[in-house]
């Protein structure tokens, strides 16, 4: 799974992510003005940067949710790529997000502590864990919104947008399978269930949605019994 990001292990992850932040957030005009060759070169560069960033996140998840001195947190940078003007970069970022979240999300449901609870005395390790869970949950919710937006746009006839949406469906289905107890499970199901009745030419999308929803239903039945 992680091999999809390439094998680059450069240590300039934080600096490269801050430089790519400016290149990926400058608007659609900058992409429209690029030649096809320049678009491909940009994709190749961002693919490598994405791979380095994912390795950084997987190696130190606790730091991945914290803002860096030179720019956004590693997870925030990944979410910026999910909204890149180039739909292929968006697709790669969504897939990368699925890979890292499937790895770093806890297998249990997170309950965000209240201000009163955070203000109470507790061990340093406990406080750090709760703060990490809070930030992780916020970032994960934003990632799910990116996936939902991609799914919502699948009605267009543009093949690139449909490919982006199909990748988003796959990410949602896998997250439901690998982290069925984690927060926002019902949100994922709400996105997938309507896709179980899509047209025949979207067999892959329908199958992924049905499989994930069926798995969720079996887990519900097991818990109830």
Protein backbone atom coordinates (compact mmCIF):
# COMPACT_ATOMS: atom_id res chain seq x y z
CA UNK A 1 0.00 0.00 0.00
CA UNK A 2 2.63 2.55 1.02
CA UNK A 3 4.72 1.73 -2.03
CA UNK A 4 2.28 3.82 -4.07
CA UNK A 5 4.06 6.88 -2.80
CA UNK A 6 7.44 5.96 -4.17
CA UNK A 7 10.59 5.09 -2.22
CA UNK A 8 12.02 8.54 -1.73
CA UNK A 9 13.12 9.09 1.87
CA UNK A 10 14.49 12.58 1.60
CA UNK A 11 14.71 14.52 4.85
CA UNK A 12 13.50 17.75 3.34
CA UNK A 13 9.84 16.87 3.86
CA UNK A 14 8.89 19.92 5.87
CA UNK A 15 10.65 22.35 3.57
CA UNK A 16 9.30 20.71 0.43
CA UNK A 17 5.77 20.74 1.82
CA UNK A 18 5.96 24.45 2.55
CA UNK A 19 7.27 25.23 -0.93
CA UNK A 20 4.63 23.06 -2.57
CA UNK A 21 1.97 24.79 -0.50
CA UNK A 22 2.50 27.98 -2.43
CA UNK A 23 2.63 26.17 -5.76
CA UNK A 24 -0.59 24.23 -5.13
CA UNK A 25 -2.69 27.04 -3.70
CA UNK A 26 -2.08 29.74 -6.29
CA UNK A 27 -5.37 29.03 -8.07
CA UNK A 28 -6.61 27.36 -11.23
CA UNK A 29 -5.17 30.07 -13.42
CA UNK A 30 -1.64 28.90 -12.72
CA UNK A 31 -2.56 25.38 -13.87
CA UNK A 32 -4.43 26.62 -16.94
CA UNK A 33 -1.34 28.51 -18.06
CA UNK A 34 0.90 25.46 -17.88
CA UNK A 35 1.75 23.42 -20.94
CA UNK A 36 0.88 19.69 -20.88
CA UNK A 37 4.55 18.89 -20.29
CA UNK A 38 4.72 21.32 -17.37
CA UNK A 39 1.58 19.80 -15.84
CA UNK A 40 3.16 16.35 -15.99
CA UNK A 41 6.37 17.63 -14.44
CA UNK A 42 4.41 19.30 -11.66
CA UNK A 43 2.49 16.07 -10.98
CA UNK A 44 5.71 14.08 -10.81
CA UNK A 45 7.26 16.57 -8.37
CA UNK A 46 4.19 16.66 -6.13
CA UNK A 47 3.95 12.87 -6.20
CA UNK A 48 7.46 12.67 -4.73
CA UNK A 49 6.72 15.38 -2.17
CA UNK A 50 3.53 13.57 -1.21
CA UNK A 51 5.46 10.35 -0.67
CA UNK A 52 7.98 12.08 1.58
CA UNK A 53 5.22 13.78 3.52
CA UNK A 54 3.34 10.52 4.07
CA UNK A 55 6.50 8.87 5.38
CA UNK A 56 6.94 11.79 7.74
CA UNK A 57 3.35 11.47 9.00
CA UNK A 58 3.56 7.70 9.48
CA UNK A 59 6.88 7.98 11.30
CA UNK A 60 5.68 10.64 13.79
CA UNK A 61 1.87 10.96 13.88
CA UNK A 62 2.04 13.15 16.98
CA UNK A 63 3.93 15.83 15.07
CA UNK A 64 1.81 15.43 11.96
CA UNK A 65 -1.11 17.31 13.54
CA UNK A 66 0.98 20.24 14.75
CA UNK A 67 1.65 23.36 12.72
CA UNK A 68 5.25 23.65 11.56
CA UNK A 69 7.41 26.74 12.00
CA UNK A 70 7.68 27.16 8.24
CA UNK A 71 4.11 26.32 7.29
CA UNK A 72 1.07 24.11 7.90
CA UNK A 73 1.12 20.78 9.70
CA UNK A 74 1.95 17.77 7.50
CA UNK A 75 -1.68 16.62 7.57
CA UNK A 76 -2.90 20.12 6.74
CA UNK A 77 -0.57 20.18 3.74
CA UNK A 78 -1.98 16.86 2.56
CA UNK A 79 -5.48 18.32 2.80
CA UNK A 80 -4.39 21.33 0.73
CA UNK A 81 -3.36 18.95 -2.03
CA UNK A 82 -6.82 17.36 -1.79
CA UNK A 83 -8.15 20.69 -3.09
CA UNK A 84 -5.47 21.23 -5.73
CA UNK A 85 -6.63 22.77 -9.05
CA UNK A 86 -5.19 19.70 -10.84
CA UNK A 87 -7.70 16.87 -10.35
CA UNK A 88 -5.00 14.20 -10.72
CA UNK A 89 -3.07 15.76 -7.82
CA UNK A 90 -6.35 15.77 -5.83
CA UNK A 91 -6.82 12.08 -6.57
CA UNK A 92 -3.31 11.19 -5.42
CA UNK A 93 -3.77 13.26 -2.26
CA UNK A 94 -7.08 11.59 -1.41
CA UNK A 95 -5.48 8.15 -1.80
CA UNK A 96 -2.49 9.26 0.27
CA UNK A 97 -4.85 10.51 2.96
CA UNK A 98 -6.60 7.15 3.07
CA UNK A 99 -3.28 5.35 3.50
CA UNK A 100 -2.05 7.52 6.38
CA UNK A 101 -5.40 7.74 8.19
CA UNK A 102 -5.89 3.98 7.96
CA UNK A 103 -2.56 3.67 9.73
CA UNK A 104 -2.69 6.42 12.38
CA UNK A 105 -6.37 6.44 13.38
CA UNK A 106 -7.03 4.58 16.63
CA UNK A 107 -9.31 1.55 16.49
CA UNK A 108 -11.62 3.03 19.13
CA UNK A 109 -14.09 5.91 19.05
CA UNK A 110 -12.60 9.18 20.31
CA UNK A 111 -14.50 11.27 22.83
CA UNK A 112 -13.30 14.87 22.78
CA UNK A 113 -12.62 16.17 26.28
CA UNK A 114 -14.53 19.21 27.49
CA UNK A 115 -12.74 22.42 28.48
CA UNK A 116 -13.39 21.59 32.11
CA UNK A 117 -11.81 18.16 31.71
CA UNK A 118 -8.78 19.61 29.93
CA UNK A 119 -8.46 22.19 32.70
CA UNK A 120 -8.41 19.51 35.38
CA UNK A 121 -5.19 17.99 36.65
CA UNK A 122 -3.99 14.98 34.69
CA UNK A 123 -0.80 13.24 33.72
CA UNK A 124 1.29 14.88 31.01
CA UNK A 125 1.01 11.77 28.82
CA UNK A 126 -2.78 11.78 29.13
CA UNK A 127 -3.01 15.46 28.23
CA UNK A 128 -0.78 14.97 25.17
CA UNK A 129 -2.88 12.01 24.03
CA UNK A 130 -6.16 13.89 24.36
CA UNK A 131 -4.78 16.91 22.52
CA UNK A 132 -3.49 14.65 19.74
CA UNK A 133 -6.88 12.92 19.47
CA UNK A 134 -8.68 16.27 19.29
CA UNK A 135 -6.50 17.59 16.49
CA UNK A 136 -6.54 14.27 14.64
CA UNK A 137 -10.33 14.16 14.78
CA UNK A 138 -10.64 17.69 13.39
CA UNK A 139 -8.26 16.92 10.53
CA UNK A 140 -9.97 13.62 9.74
CA UNK A 141 -13.36 15.34 9.58
CA UNK A 142 -11.97 17.82 7.05
CA UNK A 143 -10.52 14.95 5.02
CA UNK A 144 -13.91 13.23 4.94
CA UNK A 145 -15.45 16.47 3.65
CA UNK A 146 -12.90 16.45 0.80
CA UNK A 147 -13.95 12.88 -0.04
CA UNK A 148 -17.61 13.85 0.14
CA UNK A 149 -17.08 16.77 -2.23
CA UNK A 150 -15.37 14.49 -4.75
CA UNK A 151 -18.24 12.00 -4.54
CA UNK A 152 -20.83 14.76 -4.96
CA UNK A 153 -19.23 15.89 -8.23
CA UNK A 154 -19.31 12.44 -9.85
CA UNK A 155 -22.46 13.36 -11.80
CA UNK A 156 -20.36 15.33 -14.27
CA UNK A 157 -19.45 13.76 -17.59
CA UNK A 158 -15.79 14.78 -17.31
CA UNK A 159 -13.73 11.60 -17.01
CA UNK A 160 -11.15 13.19 -14.70
CA UNK A 161 -13.82 14.21 -12.20
CA UNK A 162 -15.46 10.78 -12.36
CA UNK A 163 -12.06 9.16 -11.75
CA UNK A 164 -11.55 11.44 -8.76
CA UNK A 165 -14.98 10.51 -7.40
CA UNK A 166 -14.38 6.80 -7.91
CA UNK A 167 -11.12 7.04 -5.97
CA UNK A 168 -12.95 8.88 -3.19
CA UNK A 169 -15.54 6.09 -3.00
CA UNK A 170 -12.76 3.54 -2.70
CA UNK A 171 -11.13 5.51 0.11
CA UNK A 172 -14.43 5.80 2.01
CA UNK A 173 -15.17 2.10 1.61
CA UNK A 174 -11.74 1.07 2.87
CA UNK A 175 -11.88 3.46 5.83
CA UNK A 176 -15.22 1.96 6.85
CA UNK A 177 -13.68 -1.52 6.71
CA UNK A 178 -10.38 -0.75 8.46
CA UNK A 179 -11.70 1.68 11.11
CA UNK A 180 -15.36 0.69 11.61
CA UNK A 181 -15.45 1.84 15.24
CA UNK A 182 -13.93 5.26 14.69
CA UNK A 183 -15.81 8.56 14.63
CA UNK A 184 -17.95 9.71 11.68
CA UNK A 185 -18.78 6.15 10.69
CA UNK A 186 -22.41 7.08 10.07
CA UNK A 187 -21.26 9.96 7.83
CA UNK A 188 -19.33 7.53 5.64
CA UNK A 189 -22.29 5.14 5.41
CA UNK A 190 -24.57 8.04 4.44
CA UNK A 191 -22.25 8.82 1.53
CA UNK A 192 -21.88 5.21 0.37
CA UNK A 193 -25.41 3.82 0.62
CA UNK A 194 -26.88 5.98 -2.20
CA UNK A 195 -24.11 4.76 -4.50
CA UNK A 196 -25.25 1.14 -4.20
CA UNK A 197 -27.85 1.90 -6.88
CA UNK A 198 -25.66 3.67 -9.42
CA UNK A 199 -25.70 2.82 -13.14
CA UNK A 200 -24.29 -0.41 -14.53
CA UNK A 201 -21.26 1.30 -16.05
CA UNK A 202 -20.13 2.18 -12.51
CA UNK A 203 -20.00 -1.43 -11.36
CA UNK A 204 -16.78 -0.86 -9.40
CA UNK A 205 -18.29 2.02 -7.45
CA UNK A 206 -21.46 0.07 -6.71
CA UNK A 207 -19.50 -2.99 -5.60
CA UNK A 208 -17.24 -0.98 -3.27
CA UNK A 209 -20.21 0.79 -1.70
CA UNK A 210 -22.19 -2.41 -1.26
CA UNK A 211 -19.25 -4.32 0.20
CA UNK A 212 -18.43 -1.64 2.76
CA UNK A 213 -22.07 -1.14 3.75
CA UNK A 214 -22.55 -4.90 4.09
CA UNK A 215 -19.49 -5.15 6.33
CA UNK A 216 -20.82 -2.35 8.52
CA UNK A 217 -24.20 -4.08 8.80
CA UNK A 218 -22.60 -7.38 9.83
CA UNK A 219 -20.58 -5.59 12.54
CA UNK A 220 -23.75 -3.94 13.83
CA UNK A 221 -25.49 -7.31 14.01
CA UNK A 222 -22.52 -8.86 15.81
CA UNK A 223 -22.53 -6.12 18.43
CA UNK A 224 -26.26 -6.46 18.95
CA UNK A 225 -26.14 -10.23 19.46
